[in-house]
Amino acid sequence: MFIAHHHRVAVLAGTFAIASALSAQTRTPPPSDFVLIESGGTFSTEFVNVAAAANGAVAFGDSEYGTPHFIPNINDGRYGNSYSWLAANVGTVGSYEELFVGVGVVFSAPADITSLALGRDNTGQYTDRADAEYRIQYSTTPIAGFNPATAVWNPIGVIFPLDNNPSSIRRLYSFGAGVISNVTAVRILTVAGGEHFDYSDYNPETEETTNYYIPYAGQAIDELEVYSTTAIPEPSAFAGLAGLAALAMVATRRGKR
């Protein structure tokens, strides 16, 4: 299902069916397949950021909080809380996995990617909303007609939570597997604001538990950077993706922070 989106740029999105997609995963994330190569810093001048809107990439997501935390902030080339993405609050759900929402970018052309950067607030002003994992995935589904809901997604690894560093500044990672070829999109699955039932300390003899609900504030991301040695097409080549974006809609859920 798609709903019209009227923000600053057209955005691809879809309902990701997160609960069903993640139902087989455990509460404890698997080991990360990333190598941390920089803390802090800024956009690379050595490699091409194929995730940047300035390079023709189009943002998509299945949830956004609203002003000022819109989906297009994920690749707008600016750091800071005012330019970050934040998912809408999902309320009370039955399990931790049901808190997960997705956000990502579709590239202007297939690329061989070598590294990825993200953070909560690279200005250092805010350190909250960075205490749950980020599950990073990529797709090689063709760009023409790309739909996040039907694309094939492959895992890269899990970042949890920003390497346990409370400062929440930008982190740049290389991939443990090396270069990943012919990638058309990258997305992050992470936790939205809300709470889930938890009966992990349930005592069958007394039929009591102390942890009925576990709350989460929801993750914020101020920028997703994906680097490649692949050359960016000329601007005229963006036309096909721009046309697709113009027809795209985004499923958004409003919440209160």
Protein backbone atom coordinates (compact mmCIF):
# COMPACT_ATOMS: atom_id res chain seq x y z
CA MET A 1 0.00 0.00 0.00
CA PHE A 2 1.33 3.43 -0.92
CA ILE A 3 0.23 6.81 0.43
CA ALA A 4 1.06 10.15 -1.21
CA HIS A 5 4.10 11.92 0.14
CA HIS A 6 4.40 15.70 -0.14
CA HIS A 7 7.76 16.53 1.45
CA ARG A 8 10.74 18.26 -0.14
CA VAL A 9 11.69 15.40 -2.45
CA ALA A 10 9.84 12.45 -3.88
CA VAL A 11 10.55 9.29 -1.89
CA LEU A 12 10.37 5.59 -2.69
CA ALA A 13 8.86 3.45 0.05
CA GLY A 14 6.72 0.50 0.88
CA THR A 15 5.46 -1.66 3.68
CA PHE A 16 8.37 -3.90 4.53
CA ALA A 17 6.44 -6.50 6.57
CA ILE A 18 9.19 -6.25 9.17
CA ALA A 19 7.61 -8.57 11.72
CA SER A 20 7.36 -11.52 9.33
CA ALA A 21 10.74 -10.85 7.76
CA LEU A 22 12.51 -10.86 11.13
CA SER A 23 10.45 -13.48 12.94
CA ALA A 24 13.16 -16.12 12.60
CA GLN A 25 15.84 -13.91 14.15
CA THR A 26 16.73 -13.98 17.83
CA ARG A 27 16.70 -11.10 20.30
CA THR A 28 20.51 -11.11 20.44
CA PRO A 29 21.90 -9.94 17.07
CA PRO A 30 24.58 -11.95 15.27
CA PRO A 31 28.20 -10.73 15.23
CA SER A 32 28.85 -7.67 13.09
CA ASP A 33 30.55 -8.15 9.73
CA PHE A 34 32.05 -4.65 9.84
CA VAL A 35 35.46 -3.17 10.53
CA LEU A 36 35.41 0.26 12.20
CA ILE A 37 37.84 2.52 10.34
CA GLU A 38 36.83 6.01 11.55
CA SER A 39 34.95 7.66 14.43
CA GLY A 40 33.67 11.15 13.76
CA GLY A 41 35.04 12.69 10.60
CA THR A 42 32.93 13.80 7.68
CA PHE A 43 32.02 12.91 4.10
CA SER A 44 34.81 11.21 2.17
CA THR A 45 36.50 13.13 -0.63
CA GLU A 46 38.41 10.06 -1.75
CA PHE A 47 35.45 7.81 -2.61
CA VAL A 48 32.02 8.39 -4.16
CA ASN A 49 29.05 8.51 -1.77
CA VAL A 50 26.52 6.66 -3.93
CA ALA A 51 23.87 7.08 -1.20
CA ALA A 52 23.84 10.89 -1.50
CA ALA A 53 20.80 12.63 -2.92
CA ALA A 54 23.27 14.91 -4.70
CA ASN A 55 24.47 11.84 -6.60
CA GLY A 56 20.96 10.81 -7.64
CA ALA A 57 20.11 8.37 -4.84
CA VAL A 58 16.48 8.32 -3.67
CA ALA A 59 15.47 7.83 -0.03
CA PHE A 60 12.74 5.43 1.03
CA GLY A 61 11.27 4.29 4.32
CA ASP A 62 8.23 2.72 5.88
CA SER A 63 7.88 5.17 8.75
CA GLU A 64 8.75 8.73 9.74
CA TYR A 65 8.07 10.86 12.79
CA GLY A 66 7.43 14.08 10.90
CA THR A 67 8.83 17.57 11.45
CA PRO A 68 11.77 17.78 11.36
CA HIS A 69 12.63 14.06 11.12
CA PHE A 70 11.63 13.18 7.55
CA ILE A 71 12.81 10.23 5.45
CA PRO A 72 14.69 12.44 2.91
CA ASN A 73 17.00 13.55 5.74
CA ILE A 74 18.73 10.17 5.56
CA ASN A 75 20.80 11.24 2.53
CA ASP A 76 20.50 15.03 2.34
CA GLY A 77 24.20 15.67 2.96
CA ARG A 78 23.74 17.35 6.35
CA TYR A 79 24.55 16.23 9.90
CA GLY A 80 22.68 17.04 13.10
CA ASN A 81 19.42 16.32 14.88
CA SER A 82 17.41 18.78 12.79
CA TYR A 83 18.45 16.88 9.66
CA SER A 84 17.93 13.38 11.03
CA TRP A 85 15.41 10.64 10.32
CA LEU A 86 13.29 9.25 13.13
CA ALA A 87 10.55 6.65 12.80
CA ALA A 88 7.00 7.13 14.02
CA ASN A 89 6.11 5.58 17.37
CA VAL A 90 4.59 2.11 16.92
CA GLY A 91 2.96 1.97 20.36
CA THR A 92 2.67 -1.30 22.28
CA VAL A 93 3.52 -4.44 20.32
CA GLY A 94 3.82 -8.11 21.16
CA SER A 95 7.53 -8.63 20.61
CA TYR A 96 10.85 -6.84 20.20
CA GLU A 97 10.99 -7.75 16.49
CA GLU A 98 7.74 -5.90 15.84
CA LEU A 99 9.45 -2.62 16.78
CA PHE A 100 11.67 -2.75 13.70
CA VAL A 101 11.22 -0.35 10.79
CA GLY A 102 13.31 0.27 7.68
CA VAL A 103 14.89 3.24 5.94
CA GLY A 104 17.36 3.34 3.07
CA VAL A 105 18.35 4.57 -0.37
CA VAL A 106 18.13 3.39 -3.97
CA PHE A 107 21.22 4.32 -6.00
CA SER A 108 21.14 6.05 -9.38
CA ALA A 109 23.03 3.10 -10.89
CA PRO A 110 24.43 -0.26 -9.68
CA ALA A 111 27.63 0.21 -7.68
CA ASP A 112 30.42 -1.82 -6.10
CA ILE A 113 30.34 -0.67 -2.48
CA THR A 114 33.29 -0.74 -0.09
CA SER A 115 32.21 1.03 3.11
CA LEU A 116 29.31 2.58 5.00
CA ALA A 117 28.90 5.37 7.54
CA LEU A 118 26.05 6.35 9.85
CA GLY A 119 25.48 8.10 13.15
CA ARG A 120 22.82 9.58 15.38
CA ASP A 121 24.14 13.17 15.50
CA ASN A 122 27.59 13.91 14.13
CA THR A 123 27.55 17.40 15.68
CA GLY A 124 27.70 15.73 19.10
CA GLN A 125 24.74 17.67 20.48
CA TYR A 126 22.49 14.63 21.00
CA THR A 127 23.54 11.20 22.30
CA ASP A 128 20.12 9.61 22.83
CA ARG A 129 18.21 7.36 20.42
CA ALA A 130 21.23 5.17 19.61
CA ASP A 131 20.87 2.23 22.00
CA ALA A 132 19.54 -0.55 19.76
CA GLU A 133 21.00 -2.41 16.82
CA TYR A 134 21.17 -1.40 13.18
CA ARG A 135 20.68 -4.31 10.79
CA ILE A 136 22.29 -3.42 7.47
CA GLN A 137 21.11 -5.01 4.21
CA TYR A 138 21.76 -4.56 0.50
CA SER A 139 19.88 -5.39 -2.68
CA THR A 140 20.89 -6.10 -6.26
CA THR A 141 17.29 -5.94 -7.50
CA PRO A 142 17.17 -3.85 -10.71
CA ILE A 143 16.61 -0.14 -10.16
CA ALA A 144 13.86 0.19 -12.79
CA GLY A 145 10.59 -0.36 -10.94
CA PHE A 146 12.40 -0.84 -7.63
CA ASN A 147 10.00 -1.53 -4.75
CA PRO A 148 11.45 -1.98 -1.24
CA ALA A 149 8.62 -4.33 -0.29
CA THR A 150 9.32 -6.81 -3.08
CA ALA A 151 13.08 -6.36 -3.54
CA VAL A 152 15.41 -9.17 -2.48
CA TRP A 153 17.44 -8.10 0.57
CA ASN A 154 20.72 -9.65 1.70
CA PRO A 155 22.40 -9.10 5.09
CA ILE A 156 25.71 -7.28 5.42
CA GLY A 157 25.85 -7.33 9.21
CA VAL A 158 24.68 -5.77 12.44
CA ILE A 159 25.97 -2.66 14.22
CA PHE A 160 25.02 -2.77 17.90
CA PRO A 161 24.66 -0.07 19.21
CA LEU A 162 27.11 2.14 17.35
CA ASP A 163 29.83 -0.03 18.91
CA ASN A 164 28.53 0.74 22.40
CA ASN A 165 29.87 4.27 22.13
CA PRO A 166 27.47 6.69 23.85
CA SER A 167 28.61 9.74 21.88
CA SER A 168 26.54 8.61 18.86
CA ILE A 169 28.78 10.41 16.40
CA ARG A 170 29.37 9.18 12.87
CA ARG A 171 31.06 5.79 12.39
CA LEU A 172 32.67 4.69 9.13
CA TYR A 173 32.93 0.93 8.54
CA SER A 174 34.44 -1.26 5.85
CA PHE A 175 32.84 -4.61 5.07
CA GLY A 176 34.42 -7.75 6.45
CA ALA A 177 33.52 -9.51 3.21
CA GLY A 178 35.32 -6.87 1.14
CA VAL A 179 33.72 -5.23 -1.89
CA ILE A 180 30.04 -5.98 -2.52
CA SER A 181 29.30 -5.78 -6.24
CA ASN A 182 26.36 -4.56 -8.34
CA VAL A 183 24.45 -3.12 -5.40
CA THR A 184 21.36 -1.07 -6.22
CA ALA A 185 20.07 -0.21 -2.74
CA VAL A 186 21.00 -0.29 0.94
CA ARG A 187 18.64 -0.19 3.89
CA ILE A 188 18.82 -0.14 7.67
CA LEU A 189 16.37 -1.99 9.91
CA THR A 190 16.24 -0.48 13.37
CA VAL A 191 13.95 0.09 16.31
CA ALA A 192 11.09 2.58 16.34
CA GLY A 193 9.74 4.17 19.49
CA GLY A 194 7.32 2.01 21.44
CA GLU A 195 7.24 -0.85 23.90
CA HIS A 196 6.96 -4.61 23.73
CA PHE A 197 5.76 -7.33 26.06
CA ASP A 198 8.49 -9.18 27.90
CA TYR A 199 7.93 -12.23 30.07
CA SER A 200 11.57 -13.36 30.24
CA ASP A 201 11.46 -13.57 34.04
CA TYR A 202 8.07 -15.30 34.17
CA ASN A 203 7.74 -17.68 37.12
CA PRO A 204 5.38 -20.56 36.25
CA GLU A 205 4.96 -21.46 39.92
CA THR A 206 3.76 -18.03 41.00
CA GLU A 207 2.48 -17.04 37.53
CA GLU A 208 4.14 -13.66 37.99
CA THR A 209 6.59 -11.50 36.06
CA THR A 210 8.09 -8.09 36.80
CA ASN A 211 8.83 -6.96 33.24
CA TYR A 212 5.51 -6.55 31.49
CA TYR A 213 6.70 -3.88 29.05
CA ILE A 214 10.14 -2.89 27.78
CA PRO A 215 10.16 0.69 26.37
CA TYR A 216 12.31 2.06 23.52
CA ALA A 217 12.72 5.70 22.54
CA GLY A 218 13.34 4.88 18.87
CA GLN A 219 16.51 5.23 16.81
CA ALA A 220 17.53 8.41 14.99
CA ILE A 221 19.99 8.57 12.07
CA ASP A 222 21.29 11.87 10.74
CA GLU A 223 22.99 10.52 7.60
CA LEU A 224 23.55 7.27 5.72
CA GLU A 225 26.71 7.26 3.59
CA VAL A 226 27.65 4.39 1.27
CA TYR A 227 30.99 4.60 -0.53
CA SER A 228 32.06 3.12 -3.84
CA THR A 229 34.82 3.32 -6.41
CA THR A 230 32.13 3.18 -9.11
CA ALA A 231 31.77 6.37 -11.16
CA ILE A 232 28.47 8.23 -10.85
CA PRO A 233 26.47 8.52 -14.12
CA GLU A 234 26.00 11.91 -15.74
CA PRO A 235 22.99 13.86 -14.38
CA SER A 236 20.97 13.05 -17.49
CA ALA A 237 21.10 9.41 -16.48
CA PHE A 238 19.14 10.24 -13.33
CA ALA A 239 16.01 10.88 -15.39
CA GLY A 240 14.75 7.31 -15.20
CA LEU A 241 15.10 7.15 -11.43
CA ALA A 242 13.64 10.63 -11.03
CA GLY A 243 10.62 9.58 -13.05
CA LEU A 244 10.21 6.54 -10.87
CA ALA A 245 10.50 8.67 -7.74
CA ALA A 246 7.90 11.09 -9.03
CA LEU A 247 5.41 8.22 -9.14
CA ALA A 248 6.49 6.77 -5.84
CA MET A 249 4.60 7.06 -2.60
CA VAL A 250 5.62 6.56 1.00
CA ALA A 251 3.75 4.75 3.74
CA THR A 252 4.08 7.07 6.71
CA ARG A 253 2.85 6.82 10.25
CA ARG A 254 2.74 9.92 12.39
CA GLY A 255 3.78 9.80 16.00
CA LYS A 256 4.40 12.07 18.92
CA ARG A 257 7.89 12.43 20.25
